[in-house]
Amino acid sequence: MDYNSLRQYIRKMLMESAMEEFDSDMVDEERITNPESKEFVKIRQNFIGSHIFGEDLGDLGKMYVAFSYNEDYPAYVWHNNKWYHNTDDFLNPDGSINEFTSQHMEDMKPTINTHGLAGSHLKKMISDFMDENGIDRIDHTSVEPGQKNE
C-alpha cells in the first residue's frame, strides 16, 4: 500500500468510527523533521516541525510565512514574488539570544536570494496582509522555547 492509499484508509476508518471531534487536518498534516522543512518552505506548503511551522496565510497563495517558535518570530516571508528573512535575533524571555533559531533559519532557508528585513517590518507586513485579506488568525502553531510540541 502506498503512502496516499494508507492516508485515505486511515481517514476512512476515523470517519467510520464516528469520532465526535474528528478533524480532517489531523490526517492531512503531520509533523515533519526540521531538515525536511526546507522543501516545504521552497514550495510554500503548510507544515509543522519541531518548534517551527510554515503557513500560506489564508490559503491564498499570496503570502507565505515560516516561523521559528511562535508568531513573534517570522523567519522567512514570501510576498510579491520575493523572499525576505528576519535580520533580528530571537530573544529568550531573559533577553539572551536563542541559539536554536539560527539552526531553524538554516533548516528552513528556501533560497540564497532572500532580502533581509528587521522583524518589526516583517510583522507589520504580515499584519497588514492579514487585515487587508480578512484573516483573523494563523492556523499553524508551535510552542514557546523550552516547551515541547505535543
N, C-alpha and C. Protein backbone atom coordinates (compact mmCIF):
# COMPACT_ATOMS: atom_id res chain seq x y z
N MET A 1 0.86 -1.17 0.00
CA MET A 1 0.00 0.00 0.00
C MET A 1 0.91 1.23 0.00
N ASP A 2 0.64 2.18 -0.90
CA ASP A 2 1.46 3.39 -0.94
C ASP A 2 0.98 4.39 0.11
N TYR A 3 1.78 5.43 0.27
CA TYR A 3 1.55 6.43 1.32
C TYR A 3 0.16 7.07 1.22
N ASN A 4 -0.25 7.52 0.02
CA ASN A 4 -1.55 8.18 -0.13
C ASN A 4 -2.71 7.23 0.13
N SER A 5 -2.57 5.98 -0.31
CA SER A 5 -3.62 4.98 -0.06
C SER A 5 -3.77 4.73 1.44
N LEU A 6 -2.64 4.67 2.13
CA LEU A 6 -2.68 4.46 3.57
C LEU A 6 -3.38 5.62 4.27
N ARG A 7 -3.07 6.84 3.87
CA ARG A 7 -3.71 8.02 4.47
C ARG A 7 -5.22 8.00 4.21
N GLN A 8 -5.62 7.63 3.00
CA GLN A 8 -7.05 7.56 2.68
C GLN A 8 -7.74 6.50 3.54
N TYR A 9 -7.07 5.38 3.73
CA TYR A 9 -7.63 4.31 4.55
C TYR A 9 -7.80 4.77 6.00
N ILE A 10 -6.78 5.43 6.54
CA ILE A 10 -6.85 5.92 7.92
C ILE A 10 -7.98 6.94 8.06
N ARG A 11 -8.10 7.85 7.10
CA ARG A 11 -9.18 8.84 7.13
C ARG A 11 -10.54 8.14 7.14
N LYS A 12 -10.70 7.15 6.28
CA LYS A 12 -11.97 6.42 6.20
C LYS A 12 -12.29 5.75 7.53
N MET A 13 -11.29 5.11 8.13
CA MET A 13 -11.51 4.43 9.41
C MET A 13 -11.90 5.43 10.51
N LEU A 14 -11.25 6.57 10.53
CA LEU A 14 -11.59 7.58 11.53
C LEU A 14 -13.01 8.10 11.33
N MET A 15 -13.38 8.34 10.09
CA MET A 15 -14.73 8.83 9.80
C MET A 15 -15.78 7.79 10.19
N GLU A 16 -15.52 6.53 9.87
CA GLU A 16 -16.48 5.46 10.17
C GLU A 16 -16.56 5.16 11.65
N SER A 17 -15.53 5.51 12.40
CA SER A 17 -15.55 5.22 13.83
C SER A 17 -16.43 6.21 14.58
N ALA A 18 -17.02 7.15 13.85
CA ALA A 18 -17.91 8.17 14.43
C ALA A 18 -17.21 8.97 15.51
N MET A 19 -15.96 9.23 15.27
CA MET A 19 -15.19 10.06 16.19
C MET A 19 -15.83 11.44 16.24
N GLU A 20 -16.29 11.84 17.39
CA GLU A 20 -17.04 13.09 17.50
C GLU A 20 -16.23 14.31 17.14
N GLU A 21 -14.97 14.33 17.49
CA GLU A 21 -14.16 15.51 17.25
C GLU A 21 -13.14 15.27 16.14
N PHE A 22 -13.51 14.49 15.13
CA PHE A 22 -12.59 14.23 14.03
C PHE A 22 -12.35 15.51 13.25
N ASP A 23 -11.10 15.80 13.05
CA ASP A 23 -10.70 16.97 12.28
C ASP A 23 -9.83 16.47 11.14
N SER A 24 -10.25 16.69 9.90
CA SER A 24 -9.51 16.15 8.77
C SER A 24 -8.08 16.68 8.72
N ASP A 25 -7.83 17.85 9.31
CA ASP A 25 -6.46 18.38 9.33
C ASP A 25 -5.53 17.48 10.13
N MET A 26 -6.11 16.70 11.08
CA MET A 26 -5.28 15.78 11.86
C MET A 26 -4.62 14.76 10.94
N VAL A 27 -5.31 14.38 9.89
CA VAL A 27 -4.79 13.38 8.98
C VAL A 27 -4.00 14.03 7.86
N ASP A 28 -4.43 15.19 7.42
CA ASP A 28 -3.79 15.83 6.29
C ASP A 28 -2.42 16.39 6.62
N GLU A 29 -2.17 16.64 7.87
CA GLU A 29 -0.93 17.31 8.22
C GLU A 29 -0.26 16.59 9.38
N GLU A 30 0.98 16.29 9.21
CA GLU A 30 1.71 15.66 10.28
C GLU A 30 3.00 16.42 10.49
N ARG A 31 3.60 16.24 11.63
CA ARG A 31 4.86 16.91 11.91
C ARG A 31 5.96 16.32 11.02
N ILE A 32 6.85 17.21 10.62
CA ILE A 32 7.99 16.78 9.81
C ILE A 32 9.26 17.09 10.59
N THR A 33 10.37 16.55 10.13
CA THR A 33 11.64 16.90 10.77
C THR A 33 12.05 18.28 10.28
N ASN A 34 12.81 18.98 11.08
CA ASN A 34 13.22 20.33 10.70
C ASN A 34 14.02 20.37 9.40
N PRO A 35 14.98 19.45 9.18
CA PRO A 35 15.68 19.49 7.89
C PRO A 35 14.75 19.30 6.68
N GLU A 36 13.64 18.57 6.86
CA GLU A 36 12.68 18.39 5.77
C GLU A 36 11.93 19.69 5.45
N SER A 37 11.92 20.62 6.38
CA SER A 37 11.11 21.83 6.22
C SER A 37 11.53 22.67 5.02
N LYS A 38 12.82 22.64 4.66
CA LYS A 38 13.31 23.44 3.55
C LYS A 38 12.48 23.20 2.28
N GLU A 39 12.18 21.94 2.00
CA GLU A 39 11.40 21.62 0.80
C GLU A 39 9.97 22.15 0.90
N PHE A 40 9.40 22.14 2.09
CA PHE A 40 8.05 22.67 2.29
C PHE A 40 8.05 24.19 2.11
N VAL A 41 9.07 24.83 2.66
CA VAL A 41 9.16 26.29 2.54
C VAL A 41 9.36 26.68 1.08
N LYS A 42 10.24 25.98 0.38
CA LYS A 42 10.51 26.29 -1.04
C LYS A 42 9.24 26.31 -1.87
N ILE A 43 8.34 25.34 -1.62
CA ILE A 43 7.10 25.27 -2.41
C ILE A 43 5.93 25.93 -1.69
N ARG A 44 6.23 26.58 -0.57
CA ARG A 44 5.24 27.34 0.20
C ARG A 44 4.06 26.46 0.62
N GLN A 45 4.39 25.32 1.22
CA GLN A 45 3.38 24.38 1.69
C GLN A 45 3.33 24.41 3.22
N ASN A 46 2.13 24.36 3.77
CA ASN A 46 1.94 24.36 5.22
C ASN A 46 2.66 23.17 5.85
N PHE A 47 3.27 23.41 7.03
CA PHE A 47 3.91 22.33 7.75
C PHE A 47 4.04 22.72 9.23
N ILE A 48 4.26 21.70 10.05
CA ILE A 48 4.61 21.90 11.45
C ILE A 48 5.80 20.99 11.72
N GLY A 49 6.87 21.56 12.23
CA GLY A 49 8.06 20.79 12.58
C GLY A 49 8.26 20.84 14.08
N SER A 50 9.49 20.76 14.50
CA SER A 50 9.82 20.85 15.91
C SER A 50 10.21 22.29 16.22
N HIS A 51 9.29 23.03 16.79
CA HIS A 51 9.47 24.45 17.13
C HIS A 51 9.53 25.35 15.90
N ILE A 52 9.10 24.86 14.76
CA ILE A 52 8.99 25.66 13.54
C ILE A 52 7.69 25.30 12.85
N PHE A 53 7.16 26.24 12.08
CA PHE A 53 5.97 25.96 11.29
C PHE A 53 5.90 26.95 10.14
N GLY A 54 5.18 26.57 9.09
CA GLY A 54 5.02 27.44 7.94
C GLY A 54 3.58 27.44 7.49
N GLU A 55 3.14 28.58 6.95
CA GLU A 55 1.74 28.69 6.54
C GLU A 55 1.57 29.64 5.37
N ASP A 56 0.76 29.20 4.42
CA ASP A 56 0.26 30.06 3.36
C ASP A 56 -0.92 30.80 3.98
N LEU A 57 -0.72 32.06 4.32
CA LEU A 57 -1.73 32.81 5.07
C LEU A 57 -3.03 32.91 4.29
N GLY A 58 -4.09 32.41 4.89
CA GLY A 58 -5.41 32.44 4.27
C GLY A 58 -5.56 31.48 3.10
N ASP A 59 -4.55 30.65 2.85
CA ASP A 59 -4.55 29.73 1.70
C ASP A 59 -4.83 30.46 0.40
N LEU A 60 -4.27 31.66 0.26
CA LEU A 60 -4.50 32.49 -0.92
C LEU A 60 -3.36 32.42 -1.94
N GLY A 61 -2.22 31.86 -1.52
CA GLY A 61 -1.07 31.80 -2.40
C GLY A 61 -0.39 33.15 -2.60
N LYS A 62 -0.67 34.11 -1.71
CA LYS A 62 -0.12 35.46 -1.86
C LYS A 62 0.96 35.78 -0.84
N MET A 63 0.89 35.14 0.34
CA MET A 63 1.91 35.36 1.36
C MET A 63 2.12 34.06 2.12
N TYR A 64 3.38 33.71 2.25
CA TYR A 64 3.76 32.52 2.99
C TYR A 64 4.76 32.93 4.07
N VAL A 65 4.59 32.38 5.27
CA VAL A 65 5.48 32.73 6.38
C VAL A 65 5.96 31.45 7.05
N ALA A 66 7.28 31.37 7.28
CA ALA A 66 7.88 30.28 8.05
C ALA A 66 8.34 30.89 9.37
N PHE A 67 7.84 30.33 10.47
CA PHE A 67 8.10 30.87 11.80
C PHE A 67 9.05 29.97 12.59
N SER A 68 9.81 30.58 13.48
CA SER A 68 10.60 29.86 14.46
C SER A 68 9.95 30.13 15.82
N TYR A 69 9.58 29.08 16.50
CA TYR A 69 8.94 29.10 17.82
C TYR A 69 7.52 29.63 17.83
N ASN A 70 7.30 30.87 17.48
CA ASN A 70 5.94 31.38 17.58
C ASN A 70 5.74 32.52 16.58
N GLU A 71 4.58 33.10 16.59
CA GLU A 71 4.25 34.15 15.63
C GLU A 71 5.08 35.42 15.82
N ASP A 72 5.78 35.52 16.94
CA ASP A 72 6.62 36.70 17.18
C ASP A 72 7.91 36.68 16.37
N TYR A 73 8.26 35.51 15.80
CA TYR A 73 9.50 35.45 15.04
C TYR A 73 9.26 34.84 13.65
N PRO A 74 8.82 35.70 12.70
CA PRO A 74 8.74 35.23 11.33
C PRO A 74 10.17 35.12 10.78
N ALA A 75 10.61 33.93 10.45
CA ALA A 75 11.97 33.72 9.96
C ALA A 75 12.07 34.08 8.48
N TYR A 76 11.11 33.60 7.69
CA TYR A 76 11.07 33.87 6.25
C TYR A 76 9.66 34.26 5.84
N VAL A 77 9.57 35.22 4.96
CA VAL A 77 8.28 35.65 4.42
C VAL A 77 8.41 35.72 2.91
N TRP A 78 7.44 35.12 2.21
CA TRP A 78 7.36 35.23 0.76
C TRP A 78 6.15 36.12 0.45
N HIS A 79 6.39 37.21 -0.27
CA HIS A 79 5.31 38.13 -0.61
C HIS A 79 5.72 38.90 -1.86
N ASN A 80 4.77 39.11 -2.75
CA ASN A 80 5.03 39.81 -4.02
C ASN A 80 6.23 39.21 -4.76
N ASN A 81 6.25 37.87 -4.79
CA ASN A 81 7.28 37.11 -5.51
C ASN A 81 8.70 37.34 -5.02
N LYS A 82 8.86 37.70 -3.74
CA LYS A 82 10.18 37.88 -3.14
C LYS A 82 10.22 37.16 -1.81
N TRP A 83 11.40 36.64 -1.48
CA TRP A 83 11.64 36.07 -0.16
C TRP A 83 12.35 37.10 0.70
N TYR A 84 11.91 37.19 1.95
CA TYR A 84 12.53 38.06 2.94
C TYR A 84 12.96 37.19 4.12
N HIS A 85 14.05 37.58 4.78
CA HIS A 85 14.45 36.89 6.01
C HIS A 85 14.59 37.89 7.15
N ASN A 86 14.38 37.39 8.34
CA ASN A 86 14.43 38.21 9.56
C ASN A 86 15.90 38.44 9.93
N THR A 87 16.29 39.69 10.06
CA THR A 87 17.67 40.02 10.41
C THR A 87 17.89 40.14 11.92
N ASP A 88 16.82 40.07 12.70
CA ASP A 88 16.92 40.19 14.16
C ASP A 88 17.19 38.82 14.79
N ASP A 89 17.84 38.84 15.94
CA ASP A 89 17.99 37.62 16.73
C ASP A 89 16.68 37.36 17.46
N PHE A 90 16.38 36.09 17.70
CA PHE A 90 15.22 35.75 18.52
C PHE A 90 15.69 35.72 19.97
N LEU A 91 15.03 36.49 20.81
CA LEU A 91 15.45 36.59 22.20
C LEU A 91 14.58 35.73 23.12
N ASN A 92 15.23 35.07 24.05
CA ASN A 92 14.54 34.32 25.08
C ASN A 92 13.91 35.30 26.06
N PRO A 93 12.98 34.83 26.90
CA PRO A 93 12.35 35.73 27.88
C PRO A 93 13.35 36.47 28.78
N ASP A 94 14.52 35.86 29.02
CA ASP A 94 15.52 36.53 29.88
C ASP A 94 16.40 37.51 29.11
N GLY A 95 16.14 37.69 27.80
CA GLY A 95 16.89 38.63 26.99
C GLY A 95 18.09 38.04 26.28
N SER A 96 18.42 36.79 26.57
CA SER A 96 19.54 36.14 25.88
C SER A 96 19.11 35.70 24.48
N ILE A 97 20.08 35.55 23.60
CA ILE A 97 19.80 35.13 22.21
C ILE A 97 19.50 33.64 22.18
N ASN A 98 18.43 33.28 21.52
CA ASN A 98 18.08 31.88 21.36
C ASN A 98 18.94 31.30 20.23
N GLU A 99 19.85 30.41 20.58
CA GLU A 99 20.77 29.83 19.61
C GLU A 99 20.09 28.91 18.60
N PHE A 100 18.98 28.32 18.97
CA PHE A 100 18.32 27.34 18.10
C PHE A 100 17.68 28.00 16.88
N THR A 101 17.32 29.27 16.99
CA THR A 101 16.68 29.94 15.86
C THR A 101 17.61 30.01 14.66
N SER A 102 18.94 30.17 14.89
CA SER A 102 19.83 30.18 13.72
C SER A 102 19.80 28.83 13.00
N GLN A 103 19.67 27.74 13.77
CA GLN A 103 19.55 26.42 13.13
C GLN A 103 18.21 26.31 12.40
N HIS A 104 17.15 26.84 13.00
CA HIS A 104 15.85 26.83 12.32
C HIS A 104 15.94 27.60 11.00
N MET A 105 16.63 28.75 11.03
CA MET A 105 16.78 29.56 9.82
C MET A 105 17.52 28.77 8.74
N GLU A 106 18.56 28.07 9.14
CA GLU A 106 19.32 27.26 8.18
C GLU A 106 18.46 26.13 7.64
N ASP A 107 17.74 25.45 8.54
CA ASP A 107 16.89 24.34 8.11
C ASP A 107 15.81 24.77 7.12
N MET A 108 15.23 25.95 7.34
CA MET A 108 14.08 26.39 6.53
C MET A 108 14.46 27.23 5.31
N LYS A 109 15.70 27.64 5.18
CA LYS A 109 16.10 28.61 4.15
C LYS A 109 15.67 28.15 2.75
N PRO A 110 14.77 28.91 2.11
CA PRO A 110 14.20 28.47 0.83
C PRO A 110 15.12 28.71 -0.36
N THR A 111 16.00 29.69 -0.27
CA THR A 111 16.85 30.07 -1.39
C THR A 111 17.98 30.96 -0.86
N ILE A 112 19.01 31.11 -1.65
CA ILE A 112 20.07 32.03 -1.21
C ILE A 112 19.68 33.47 -1.48
N ASN A 113 18.67 33.67 -2.30
CA ASN A 113 18.23 35.02 -2.68
C ASN A 113 17.10 35.51 -1.79
N THR A 114 17.44 35.90 -0.56
CA THR A 114 16.45 36.47 0.34
C THR A 114 16.89 37.88 0.71
N HIS A 115 15.93 38.73 0.96
CA HIS A 115 16.20 40.12 1.31
C HIS A 115 16.01 40.28 2.82
N GLY A 116 16.99 40.83 3.50
CA GLY A 116 16.92 40.98 4.94
C GLY A 116 16.06 42.17 5.36
N LEU A 117 15.20 41.92 6.34
CA LEU A 117 14.38 42.97 6.95
C LEU A 117 14.31 42.74 8.45
N ALA A 118 14.18 43.81 9.19
CA ALA A 118 14.00 43.70 10.64
C ALA A 118 12.69 42.99 10.93
N GLY A 119 12.66 42.26 12.04
CA GLY A 119 11.46 41.53 12.43
C GLY A 119 10.24 42.41 12.54
N SER A 120 10.40 43.65 13.01
CA SER A 120 9.25 44.55 13.14
C SER A 120 8.63 44.85 11.77
N HIS A 121 9.47 44.98 10.75
CA HIS A 121 8.94 45.22 9.40
C HIS A 121 8.20 44.00 8.86
N LEU A 122 8.77 42.82 9.12
CA LEU A 122 8.11 41.59 8.66
C LEU A 122 6.77 41.42 9.37
N LYS A 123 6.74 41.67 10.68
CA LYS A 123 5.47 41.52 11.42
C LYS A 123 4.42 42.52 10.94
N LYS A 124 4.84 43.73 10.61
CA LYS A 124 3.90 44.72 10.08
C LYS A 124 3.39 44.29 8.71
N MET A 125 4.28 43.77 7.87
CA MET A 125 3.89 43.28 6.55
C MET A 125 2.84 42.17 6.69
N ILE A 126 3.07 41.26 7.62
CA ILE A 126 2.14 40.15 7.86
C ILE A 126 0.81 40.68 8.40
N SER A 127 0.87 41.57 9.38
CA SER A 127 -0.34 42.13 9.98
C SER A 127 -1.17 42.89 8.94
N ASP A 128 -0.51 43.72 8.13
CA ASP A 128 -1.23 44.46 7.08
C ASP A 128 -1.88 43.51 6.09
N PHE A 129 -1.16 42.46 5.69
CA PHE A 129 -1.70 41.48 4.75
C PHE A 129 -2.93 40.79 5.34
N MET A 130 -2.82 40.38 6.60
CA MET A 130 -3.95 39.71 7.25
C MET A 130 -5.15 40.63 7.34
N ASP A 131 -4.94 41.90 7.70
CA ASP A 131 -6.04 42.87 7.78
C ASP A 131 -6.69 43.08 6.41
N GLU A 132 -5.86 43.25 5.38
CA GLU A 132 -6.38 43.50 4.03
C GLU A 132 -7.18 42.33 3.49
N ASN A 133 -6.85 41.11 3.95
CA ASN A 133 -7.49 39.91 3.42
C ASN A 133 -8.46 39.25 4.39
N GLY A 134 -8.78 39.95 5.48
CA GLY A 134 -9.76 39.43 6.43
C GLY A 134 -9.33 38.14 7.11
N ILE A 135 -8.04 37.99 7.34
CA ILE A 135 -7.51 36.79 8.01
C ILE A 135 -7.34 37.15 9.48
N ASP A 136 -8.07 36.44 10.36
CA ASP A 136 -8.02 36.81 11.77
C ASP A 136 -7.04 35.99 12.59
N ARG A 137 -6.52 34.88 12.05
CA ARG A 137 -5.57 34.12 12.85
C ARG A 137 -4.69 33.26 11.94
N ILE A 138 -3.58 32.86 12.51
CA ILE A 138 -2.68 31.93 11.84
C ILE A 138 -3.05 30.54 12.36
N ASP A 139 -3.29 29.61 11.46
CA ASP A 139 -3.80 28.30 11.86
C ASP A 139 -2.74 27.36 12.42
N HIS A 140 -1.52 27.50 11.99
CA HIS A 140 -0.46 26.60 12.43
C HIS A 140 0.24 27.24 13.62
N THR A 141 0.56 26.43 14.58
CA THR A 141 1.18 26.99 15.76
C THR A 141 2.32 26.10 16.23
N SER A 142 3.17 26.66 17.02
CA SER A 142 4.22 25.89 17.66
C SER A 142 4.21 26.28 19.13
N VAL A 143 5.34 26.15 19.77
CA VAL A 143 5.38 26.39 21.21
C VAL A 143 6.51 27.34 21.55
N GLU A 144 6.44 27.89 22.75
CA GLU A 144 7.48 28.78 23.25
C GLU A 144 8.77 28.00 23.50
N PRO A 145 9.91 28.67 23.47
CA PRO A 145 11.16 27.99 23.79
C PRO A 145 11.08 27.30 25.14
N GLY A 146 11.62 26.11 25.22
CA GLY A 146 11.62 25.34 26.46
C GLY A 146 10.42 24.43 26.62
N GLN A 147 9.37 24.63 25.83
CA GLN A 147 8.20 23.75 25.88
C GLN A 147 8.33 22.70 24.78
N LYS A 148 7.54 21.65 24.88
CA LYS A 148 7.58 20.58 23.90
C LYS A 148 6.29 20.58 23.07
N ASN A 149 6.42 20.25 21.78
CA ASN A 149 5.24 20.02 20.96
C ASN A 149 4.55 18.76 21.45
N GLU A 150 3.24 18.76 21.41
CA GLU A 150 2.50 17.56 21.85
C GLU A 150 2.13 16.73 20.66
